[in-house]
Amino acid sequence: MDPGAAVARLRVADRGLVERLIDSVQKAMAPAAAFRVCYVDGKRDDGVTLDGISFTSRVLRRNLEKVGRVFPFVLTAGRGLDELIDARKIPAG
């Protein structure tokens, strides 16, 4: 991320602080993703069942109306960001 763009978008006066924050966050990140193929086992008025797991959501049900296979996924920035925040290692100005 460009520190100048971040400073402008966040309307922060201290560019050095933003640069240190971006550097700390980028070092702490360990992005990861996982997905799998699932099949729609059943559809109810108020939800769906995917690979034996029931989800109650009319919106999800509507979105999967004409779908038989889905690819649910999870994305994470990793534990490093939580540890950085918990340890208060984010640099101060």
PDB file of N, CA and C in Angstrom:
ATOM      1  N   MET A   1       0.841  -1.178   0.000  1.00  0.00           N
ATOM      2  CA  MET A   1       0.000   0.000   0.000  1.00  0.00           C
ATOM      3  C   MET A   1       0.880   1.233   0.000  1.00  0.00           C
ATOM      4  N   ASP A   2       0.462   2.209  -0.752  1.00  0.00           N
ATOM      5  CA  ASP A   2       1.185   3.465  -0.848  1.00  0.00           C
ATOM      6  C   ASP A   2       0.869   4.333   0.366  1.00  0.00           C
ATOM      7  N   PRO A   3       1.870   4.664   1.184  1.00  0.00           N
ATOM      8  CA  PRO A   3       1.630   5.494   2.372  1.00  0.00           C
ATOM      9  C   PRO A   3       1.005   6.844   2.031  1.00  0.00           C
ATOM     10  N   GLY A   4       1.405   7.438   0.915  1.00  0.00           N
ATOM     11  CA  GLY A   4       0.836   8.722   0.521  1.00  0.00           C
ATOM     12  C   GLY A   4      -0.658   8.622   0.279  1.00  0.00           C
ATOM     13  N   ALA A   5      -1.076   7.558  -0.387  1.00  0.00           N
ATOM     14  CA  ALA A   5      -2.504   7.358  -0.645  1.00  0.00           C
ATOM     15  C   ALA A   5      -3.254   7.107   0.656  1.00  0.00           C
ATOM     16  N   ALA A   6      -2.634   6.350   1.568  1.00  0.00           N
ATOM     17  CA  ALA A   6      -3.268   6.076   2.855  1.00  0.00           C
ATOM     18  C   ALA A   6      -3.412   7.355   3.668  1.00  0.00           C
ATOM     19  N   VAL A   7      -2.384   8.183   3.675  1.00  0.00           N
ATOM     20  CA  VAL A   7      -2.429   9.459   4.407  1.00  0.00           C
ATOM     21  C   VAL A   7      -3.561  10.326   3.858  1.00  0.00           C
ATOM     22  N   ALA A   8      -3.657  10.413   2.544  1.00  0.00           N
ATOM     23  CA  ALA A   8      -4.694  11.228   1.924  1.00  0.00           C
ATOM     24  C   ALA A   8      -6.087  10.683   2.217  1.00  0.00           C
ATOM     25  N   ARG A   9      -6.234   9.372   2.097  1.00  0.00           N
ATOM     26  CA  ARG A   9      -7.558   8.764   2.301  1.00  0.00           C
ATOM     27  C   ARG A   9      -7.999   8.838   3.762  1.00  0.00           C
ATOM     28  N   LEU A  10      -7.060   8.631   4.675  1.00  0.00           N
ATOM     29  CA  LEU A  10      -7.378   8.659   6.105  1.00  0.00           C
ATOM     30  C   LEU A  10      -7.363  10.073   6.679  1.00  0.00           C
ATOM     31  N   ARG A  11      -6.824  11.001   5.899  1.00  0.00           N
ATOM     32  CA  ARG A  11      -6.708  12.398   6.336  1.00  0.00           C
ATOM     33  C   ARG A  11      -5.896  12.504   7.627  1.00  0.00           C
ATOM     34  N   VAL A  12      -4.756  11.827   7.607  1.00  0.00           N
ATOM     35  CA  VAL A  12      -3.836  11.828   8.742  1.00  0.00           C
ATOM     36  C   VAL A  12      -2.658  12.714   8.369  1.00  0.00           C
ATOM     37  N   ALA A  13      -2.217  13.523   9.309  1.00  0.00           N
ATOM     38  CA  ALA A  13      -1.128  14.461   9.024  1.00  0.00           C
ATOM     39  C   ALA A  13       0.252  13.811   9.115  1.00  0.00           C
ATOM     40  N   ASP A  14       0.389  12.772   9.917  1.00  0.00           N
ATOM     41  CA  ASP A  14       1.701  12.176  10.196  1.00  0.00           C
ATOM     42  C   ASP A  14       1.999  11.026   9.234  1.00  0.00           C
ATOM     43  N   ARG A  15       2.661  11.340   8.123  1.00  0.00           N
ATOM     44  CA  ARG A  15       2.995  10.322   7.123  1.00  0.00           C
ATOM     45  C   ARG A  15       3.919   9.256   7.713  1.00  0.00           C
ATOM     46  N   GLY A  16       4.856   9.669   8.591  1.00  0.00           N
ATOM     47  CA  GLY A  16       5.781   8.713   9.196  1.00  0.00           C
ATOM     48  C   GLY A  16       5.053   7.657  10.008  1.00  0.00           C
ATOM     49  N   LEU A  17       4.029   8.061  10.740  1.00  0.00           N
ATOM     50  CA  LEU A  17       3.234   7.110  11.529  1.00  0.00           C
ATOM     51  C   LEU A  17       2.547   6.109  10.610  1.00  0.00           C
ATOM     52  N   VAL A  18       1.965   6.602   9.547  1.00  0.00           N
ATOM     53  CA  VAL A  18       1.284   5.719   8.597  1.00  0.00           C
ATOM     54  C   VAL A  18       2.273   4.739   7.971  1.00  0.00           C
ATOM     55  N   GLU A  19       3.460   5.209   7.616  1.00  0.00           N
ATOM     56  CA  GLU A  19       4.474   4.326   7.043  1.00  0.00           C
ATOM     57  C   GLU A  19       4.870   3.233   8.032  1.00  0.00           C
ATOM     58  N   ARG A  20       5.054   3.595   9.303  1.00  0.00           N
ATOM     59  CA  ARG A  20       5.414   2.598  10.323  1.00  0.00           C
ATOM     60  C   ARG A  20       4.284   1.591  10.536  1.00  0.00           C
ATOM     61  N   LEU A  21       3.047   2.061  10.541  1.00  0.00           N
ATOM     62  CA  LEU A  21       1.897   1.159  10.704  1.00  0.00           C
ATOM     63  C   LEU A  21       1.807   0.181   9.541  1.00  0.00           C
ATOM     64  N   ILE A  22       1.927   0.687   8.337  1.00  0.00           N
ATOM     65  CA  ILE A  22       1.854  -0.175   7.148  1.00  0.00           C
ATOM     66  C   ILE A  22       2.973  -1.205   7.179  1.00  0.00           C
ATOM     67  N   ASP A  23       4.180  -0.780   7.517  1.00  0.00           N
ATOM     68  CA  ASP A  23       5.316  -1.699   7.590  1.00  0.00           C
ATOM     69  C   ASP A  23       5.079  -2.788   8.630  1.00  0.00           C
ATOM     70  N   SER A  24       4.609  -2.414   9.809  1.00  0.00           N
ATOM     71  CA  SER A  24       4.349  -3.384  10.878  1.00  0.00           C
ATOM     72  C   SER A  24       3.284  -4.396  10.473  1.00  0.00           C
ATOM     73  N   VAL A  25       2.217  -3.890   9.882  1.00  0.00           N
ATOM     74  CA  VAL A  25       1.109  -4.768   9.484  1.00  0.00           C
ATOM     75  C   VAL A  25       1.553  -5.716   8.376  1.00  0.00           C
ATOM     76  N   GLN A  26       2.273  -5.206   7.392  1.00  0.00           N
ATOM     77  CA  GLN A  26       2.723  -6.069   6.297  1.00  0.00           C
ATOM     78  C   GLN A  26       3.653  -7.167   6.789  1.00  0.00           C
ATOM     79  N   LYS A  27       4.510  -6.859   7.763  1.00  0.00           N
ATOM     80  CA  LYS A  27       5.414  -7.880   8.312  1.00  0.00           C
ATOM     81  C   LYS A  27       4.654  -8.930   9.112  1.00  0.00           C
ATOM     82  N   ALA A  28       3.557  -8.521   9.759  1.00  0.00           N
ATOM     83  CA  ALA A  28       2.803  -9.434  10.623  1.00  0.00           C
ATOM     84  C   ALA A  28       1.839 -10.326   9.839  1.00  0.00           C
ATOM     85  N   MET A  29       1.479  -9.907   8.637  1.00  0.00           N
ATOM     86  CA  MET A  29       0.485 -10.661   7.876  1.00  0.00           C
ATOM     87  C   MET A  29       1.044 -11.975   7.354  1.00  0.00           C
ATOM     88  N   ALA A  30       0.201 -12.980   7.398  1.00  0.00           N
ATOM     89  CA  ALA A  30       0.512 -14.277   6.798  1.00  0.00           C
ATOM     90  C   ALA A  30      -0.779 -14.765   6.135  1.00  0.00           C
ATOM     91  N   PRO A  31      -1.143 -14.176   4.999  1.00  0.00           N
ATOM     92  CA  PRO A  31      -2.415 -14.504   4.363  1.00  0.00           C
ATOM     93  C   PRO A  31      -2.524 -15.980   4.016  1.00  0.00           C
ATOM     94  N   ALA A  32      -3.723 -16.493   4.191  1.00  0.00           N
ATOM     95  CA  ALA A  32      -3.992 -17.885   3.844  1.00  0.00           C
ATOM     96  C   ALA A  32      -5.450 -18.004   3.424  1.00  0.00           C
ATOM     97  N   ALA A  33      -5.734 -18.999   2.624  1.00  0.00           N
ATOM     98  CA  ALA A  33      -7.092 -19.240   2.162  1.00  0.00           C
ATOM     99  C   ALA A  33      -7.331 -20.736   2.063  1.00  0.00           C
ATOM    100  N   ALA A  34      -8.581 -21.102   2.221  1.00  0.00           N
ATOM    101  CA  ALA A  34      -8.973 -22.502   2.064  1.00  0.00           C
ATOM    102  C   ALA A  34     -10.364 -22.541   1.436  1.00  0.00           C
ATOM    103  N   PHE A  35     -10.605 -23.526   0.614  1.00  0.00           N
ATOM    104  CA  PHE A  35     -11.931 -23.701   0.033  1.00  0.00           C
ATOM    105  C   PHE A  35     -12.176 -25.181  -0.187  1.00  0.00           C
ATOM    106  N   ARG A  36     -13.418 -25.501  -0.435  1.00  0.00           N
ATOM    107  CA  ARG A  36     -13.748 -26.876  -0.793  1.00  0.00           C
ATOM    108  C   ARG A  36     -14.997 -26.885  -1.649  1.00  0.00           C
ATOM    109  N   VAL A  37     -15.171 -27.952  -2.357  1.00  0.00           N
ATOM    110  CA  VAL A  37     -16.364 -28.125  -3.174  1.00  0.00           C
ATOM    111  C   VAL A  37     -17.435 -28.743  -2.281  1.00  0.00           C
ATOM    112  N   CYS A  38     -18.627 -28.163  -2.277  1.00  0.00           N
ATOM    113  CA  CYS A  38     -19.755 -28.699  -1.509  1.00  0.00           C
ATOM    114  C   CYS A  38     -20.965 -28.794  -2.429  1.00  0.00           C
ATOM    115  N   TYR A  39     -21.830 -29.704  -2.090  1.00  0.00           N
ATOM    116  CA  TYR A  39     -23.049 -29.874  -2.865  1.00  0.00           C
ATOM    117  C   TYR A  39     -24.246 -29.509  -2.015  1.00  0.00           C
ATOM    118  N   VAL A  40     -25.241 -28.941  -2.667  1.00  0.00           N
ATOM    119  CA  VAL A  40     -26.470 -28.550  -1.985  1.00  0.00           C
ATOM    120  C   VAL A  40     -27.291 -29.815  -1.771  1.00  0.00           C
ATOM    121  N   ASP A  41     -27.412 -30.221  -0.499  1.00  0.00           N
ATOM    122  CA  ASP A  41     -28.160 -31.437  -0.162  1.00  0.00           C
ATOM    123  C   ASP A  41     -29.657 -31.181  -0.084  1.00  0.00           C
ATOM    124  N   GLY A  42     -30.030 -30.004   0.342  1.00  0.00           N
ATOM    125  CA  GLY A  42     -31.451 -29.715   0.497  1.00  0.00           C
ATOM    126  C   GLY A  42     -31.711 -28.228   0.563  1.00  0.00           C
ATOM    127  N   LYS A  43     -32.944 -27.880   0.217  1.00  0.00           N
ATOM    128  CA  LYS A  43     -33.361 -26.480   0.260  1.00  0.00           C
ATOM    129  C   LYS A  43     -34.681 -26.401   1.010  1.00  0.00           C
ATOM    130  N   ARG A  44     -34.730 -25.456   1.959  1.00  0.00           N
ATOM    131  CA  ARG A  44     -35.954 -25.193   2.714  1.00  0.00           C
ATOM    132  C   ARG A  44     -36.352 -23.744   2.459  1.00  0.00           C
ATOM    133  N   ASP A  45     -37.521 -23.360   2.915  1.00  0.00           N
ATOM    134  CA  ASP A  45     -37.938 -21.966   2.746  1.00  0.00           C
ATOM    135  C   ASP A  45     -36.972 -21.010   3.426  1.00  0.00           C
ATOM    136  N   ASP A  46     -36.411 -21.442   4.563  1.00  0.00           N
ATOM    137  CA  ASP A  46     -35.581 -20.535   5.368  1.00  0.00           C
ATOM    138  C   ASP A  46     -34.089 -20.856   5.317  1.00  0.00           C
ATOM    139  N   GLY A  47     -33.650 -21.707   4.389  1.00  0.00           N
ATOM    140  CA  GLY A  47     -32.226 -22.007   4.331  1.00  0.00           C
ATOM    141  C   GLY A  47     -31.887 -23.169   3.419  1.00  0.00           C
ATOM    142  N   VAL A  48     -30.650 -23.640   3.553  1.00  0.00           N
ATOM    143  CA  VAL A  48     -30.143 -24.730   2.730  1.00  0.00           C
ATOM    144  C   VAL A  48     -29.277 -25.653   3.578  1.00  0.00           C
ATOM    145  N   THR A  49     -29.021 -26.833   3.039  1.00  0.00           N
ATOM    146  CA  THR A  49     -28.081 -27.768   3.659  1.00  0.00           C
ATOM    147  C   THR A  49     -26.986 -28.048   2.645  1.00  0.00           C
ATOM    148  N   LEU A  50     -25.743 -27.806   3.073  1.00  0.00           N
ATOM    149  CA  LEU A  50     -24.576 -28.038   2.216  1.00  0.00           C
ATOM    150  C   LEU A  50     -23.717 -29.114   2.855  1.00  0.00           C
ATOM    151  N   ASP A  51     -23.531 -30.214   2.150  1.00  0.00           N
ATOM    152  CA  ASP A  51     -22.744 -31.340   2.664  1.00  0.00           C
ATOM    153  C   ASP A  51     -23.113 -31.696   4.102  1.00  0.00           C
ATOM    154  N   GLY A  52     -24.404 -31.736   4.378  1.00  0.00           N
ATOM    155  CA  GLY A  52     -24.894 -32.144   5.692  1.00  0.00           C
ATOM    156  C   GLY A  52     -24.926 -31.048   6.748  1.00  0.00           C
ATOM    157  N   ILE A  53     -24.492 -29.845   6.414  1.00  0.00           N
ATOM    158  CA  ILE A  53     -24.498 -28.732   7.368  1.00  0.00           C
ATOM    159  C   ILE A  53     -25.604 -27.769   6.985  1.00  0.00           C
ATOM    160  N   SER A  54     -26.515 -27.515   7.946  1.00  0.00           N
ATOM    161  CA  SER A  54     -27.657 -26.639   7.682  1.00  0.00           C
ATOM    162  C   SER A  54     -27.318 -25.181   7.943  1.00  0.00           C
ATOM    163  N   PHE A  55     -27.754 -24.331   7.029  1.00  0.00           N
ATOM    164  CA  PHE A  55     -27.599 -22.889   7.142  1.00  0.00           C
ATOM    165  C   PHE A  55     -28.978 -22.255   7.068  1.00  0.00           C
ATOM    166  N   THR A  56     -29.301 -21.440   8.045  1.00  0.00           N
ATOM    167  CA  THR A  56     -30.578 -20.746   8.049  1.00  0.00           C
ATOM    168  C   THR A  56     -30.354 -19.345   7.511  1.00  0.00           C
ATOM    169  N   SER A  57     -30.817 -19.127   6.293  1.00  0.00           N
ATOM    170  CA  SER A  57     -30.672 -17.825   5.655  1.00  0.00           C
ATOM    171  C   SER A  57     -31.550 -17.800   4.416  1.00  0.00           C
ATOM    172  N   ARG A  58     -32.534 -16.942   4.429  1.00  0.00           N
ATOM    173  CA  ARG A  58     -33.406 -16.816   3.254  1.00  0.00           C
ATOM    174  C   ARG A  58     -32.628 -16.248   2.066  1.00  0.00           C
ATOM    175  N   VAL A  59     -31.687 -15.367   2.346  1.00  0.00           N
ATOM    176  CA  VAL A  59     -30.877 -14.783   1.276  1.00  0.00           C
ATOM    177  C   VAL A  59     -30.010 -15.862   0.635  1.00  0.00           C
ATOM    178  N   LEU A  60     -29.349 -16.680   1.451  1.00  0.00           N
ATOM    179  CA  LEU A  60     -28.530 -17.765   0.916  1.00  0.00           C
ATOM    180  C   LEU A  60     -29.405 -18.722   0.114  1.00  0.00           C
ATOM    181  N   ARG A  61     -30.559 -19.026   0.629  1.00  0.00           N
ATOM    182  CA  ARG A  61     -31.491 -19.926  -0.066  1.00  0.00           C
ATOM    183  C   ARG A  61     -31.853 -19.356  -1.438  1.00  0.00           C
ATOM    184  N   ARG A  62     -32.148 -18.078  -1.472  1.00  0.00           N
ATOM    185  CA  ARG A  62     -32.510 -17.414  -2.724  1.00  0.00           C
ATOM    186  C   ARG A  62     -31.328 -17.413  -3.700  1.00  0.00           C
ATOM    187  N   ASN A  63     -30.128 -17.130  -3.185  1.00  0.00           N
ATOM    188  CA  ASN A  63     -28.944 -17.079  -4.048  1.00  0.00           C
ATOM    189  C   ASN A  63     -28.558 -18.447  -4.600  1.00  0.00           C
ATOM    190  N   LEU A  64     -28.939 -19.500  -3.909  1.00  0.00           N
ATOM    191  CA  LEU A  64     -28.596 -20.862  -4.359  1.00  0.00           C
ATOM    192  C   LEU A  64     -29.782 -21.569  -5.013  1.00  0.00           C
ATOM    193  N   GLU A  65     -30.770 -20.803  -5.409  1.00  0.00           N
ATOM    194  CA  GLU A  65     -32.000 -21.355  -5.996  1.00  0.00           C
ATOM    195  C   GLU A  65     -31.710 -22.323  -7.138  1.00  0.00           C
ATOM    196  N   LYS A  66     -30.856 -21.936  -8.049  1.00  0.00           N
ATOM    197  CA  LYS A  66     -30.601 -22.760  -9.243  1.00  0.00           C
ATOM    198  C   LYS A  66     -29.196 -23.346  -9.232  1.00  0.00           C
ATOM    199  N   VAL A  67     -28.654 -23.542  -8.025  1.00  0.00           N
ATOM    200  CA  VAL A  67     -27.278 -24.004  -7.887  1.00  0.00           C
ATOM    201  C   VAL A  67     -27.265 -25.364  -7.202  1.00  0.00           C
ATOM    202  N   GLY A  68     -26.401 -26.245  -7.670  1.00  0.00           N
ATOM    203  CA  GLY A  68     -26.264 -27.557  -7.051  1.00  0.00           C
ATOM    204  C   GLY A  68     -24.895 -27.775  -6.413  1.00  0.00           C
ATOM    205  N   ARG A  69     -23.940 -26.911  -6.791  1.00  0.00           N
ATOM    206  CA  ARG A  69     -22.577 -27.048  -6.284  1.00  0.00           C
ATOM    207  C   ARG A  69     -22.069 -25.658  -5.902  1.00  0.00           C
ATOM    208  N   VAL A  70     -21.381 -25.589  -4.756  1.00  0.00           N
ATOM    209  CA  VAL A  70     -20.843 -24.314  -4.277  1.00  0.00           C
ATOM    210  C   VAL A  70     -19.395 -24.508  -3.858  1.00  0.00           C
ATOM    211  N   PHE A  71     -18.693 -23.394  -3.711  1.00  0.00           N
ATOM    212  CA  PHE A  71     -17.291 -23.406  -3.324  1.00  0.00           C
ATOM    213  C   PHE A  71     -17.086 -22.469  -2.130  1.00  0.00           C
ATOM    214  N   PRO A  72     -17.510 -22.876  -0.940  1.00  0.00           N
ATOM    215  CA  PRO A  72     -17.314 -22.011   0.227  1.00  0.00           C
ATOM    216  C   PRO A  72     -15.823 -21.839   0.524  1.00  0.00           C
ATOM    217  N   PHE A  73     -15.475 -20.641   1.015  1.00  0.00           N
ATOM    218  CA  PHE A  73     -14.072 -20.361   1.268  1.00  0.00           C
ATOM    219  C   PHE A  73     -13.907 -19.541   2.540  1.00  0.00           C
ATOM    220  N   VAL A  74     -12.704 -19.577   3.054  1.00  0.00           N
ATOM    221  CA  VAL A  74     -12.317 -18.791   4.224  1.00  0.00           C
ATOM    222  C   VAL A  74     -10.992 -18.117   3.896  1.00  0.00           C
ATOM    223  N   LEU A  75     -10.897 -16.850   4.240  1.00  0.00           N
ATOM    224  CA  LEU A  75      -9.657 -16.097   4.048  1.00  0.00           C
ATOM    225  C   LEU A  75      -9.224 -15.529   5.390  1.00  0.00           C
ATOM    226  N   THR A  76      -7.930 -15.471   5.610  1.00  0.00           N
ATOM    227  CA  THR A  76      -7.416 -14.895   6.847  1.00  0.00           C
ATOM    228  C   THR A  76      -6.128 -14.129   6.567  1.00  0.00           C
ATOM    229  N   ALA A  77      -5.887 -13.129   7.385  1.00  0.00           N
ATOM    230  CA  ALA A  77      -4.621 -12.402   7.311  1.00  0.00           C
ATOM    231  C   ALA A  77      -3.602 -13.055   8.232  1.00  0.00           C
ATOM    232  N   GLY A  78      -4.010 -14.083   8.949  1.00  0.00           N
ATOM    233  CA  GLY A  78      -3.118 -14.805   9.849  1.00  0.00           C
ATOM    234  C   GLY A  78      -3.202 -14.292  11.281  1.00  0.00           C
ATOM    235  N   ARG A  79      -2.588 -15.018  12.179  1.00  0.00           N
ATOM    236  CA  ARG A  79      -2.604 -14.664  13.608  1.00  0.00           C
ATOM    237  C   ARG A  79      -1.700 -13.484  13.941  1.00  0.00           C
ATOM    238  N   GLY A  80      -0.779 -13.205  13.073  1.00  0.00           N
ATOM    239  CA  GLY A  80       0.196 -12.159  13.344  1.00  0.00           C
ATOM    240  C   GLY A  80      -0.421 -10.813  13.659  1.00  0.00           C
ATOM    241  N   LEU A  81      -1.501 -10.452  12.969  1.00  0.00           N
ATOM    242  CA  LEU A  81      -2.137  -9.166  13.236  1.00  0.00           C
ATOM    243  C   LEU A  81      -2.753  -9.126  14.624  1.00  0.00           C
ATOM    244  N   ASP A  82      -3.438 -10.200  15.014  1.00  0.00           N
ATOM    245  CA  ASP A  82      -4.002 -10.260  16.369  1.00  0.00           C
ATOM    246  C   ASP A  82      -2.899 -10.170  17.412  1.00  0.00           C
ATOM    247  N   GLU A  83      -1.819 -10.896  17.184  1.00  0.00           N
ATOM    248  CA  GLU A  83      -0.707 -10.873  18.136  1.00  0.00           C
ATOM    249  C   GLU A  83      -0.072  -9.487  18.205  1.00  0.00           C
ATOM    250  N   LEU A  84       0.011  -8.827  17.057  1.00  0.00           N
ATOM    251  CA  LEU A  84       0.569  -7.480  17.012  1.00  0.00           C
ATOM    252  C   LEU A  84      -0.292  -6.516  17.825  1.00  0.00           C
ATOM    253  N   ILE A  85      -1.591  -6.614  17.650  1.00  0.00           N
ATOM    254  CA  ILE A  85      -2.509  -5.752  18.390  1.00  0.00           C
ATOM    255  C   ILE A  85      -2.500  -6.090  19.874  1.00  0.00           C
ATOM    256  N   ASP A  86      -2.575  -7.396  20.192  1.00  0.00           N
ATOM    257  CA  ASP A  86      -2.581  -7.816  21.593  1.00  0.00           C
ATOM    258  C   ASP A  86      -1.317  -7.380  22.322  1.00  0.00           C
ATOM    259  N   ALA A  87      -0.188  -7.463  21.638  1.00  0.00           N
ATOM    260  CA  ALA A  87       1.076  -7.103  22.251  1.00  0.00           C
ATOM    261  C   ALA A  87       1.328  -5.592  22.195  1.00  0.00           C
ATOM    262  N   ARG A  88       0.423  -4.896  21.523  1.00  0.00           N
ATOM    263  CA  ARG A  88       0.554  -3.437  21.347  1.00  0.00           C
ATOM    264  C   ARG A  88       1.908  -3.071  20.752  1.00  0.00           C
ATOM    265  N   LYS A  89       2.300  -3.877  19.788  1.00  0.00           N
ATOM    266  CA  LYS A  89       3.575  -3.639  19.112  1.00  0.00           C
ATOM    267  C   LYS A  89       3.432  -2.691  17.943  1.00  0.00           C
ATOM    268  N   ILE A  90       2.219  -2.195  17.716  1.00  0.00           N
ATOM    269  CA  ILE A  90       2.029  -1.241  16.637  1.00  0.00           C
ATOM    270  C   ILE A  90       2.751   0.033  17.049  1.00  0.00           C
ATOM    271  N   PRO A  91       3.623   0.545  16.201  1.00  0.00           N
ATOM    272  CA  PRO A  91       4.453   1.689  16.596  1.00  0.00           C
ATOM    273  C   PRO A  91       3.641   2.948  16.873  1.00  0.00           C
ATOM    274  N   ALA A  92       4.006   3.635  17.904  1.00  0.00           N
ATOM    275  CA  ALA A  92       3.368   4.906  18.241  1.00  0.00           C
ATOM    276  C   ALA A  92       4.109   6.032  17.546  1.00  0.00           C
ATOM    277  N   GLY A  93       3.447   7.180  17.459  1.00  0.00           N
ATOM    278  CA  GLY A  93       4.020   8.325  16.752  1.00  0.00           C
ATOM    279  C   GLY A  93       5.073   9.041  17.484  1.00  0.00           C
TER     280      GLY A  93
END
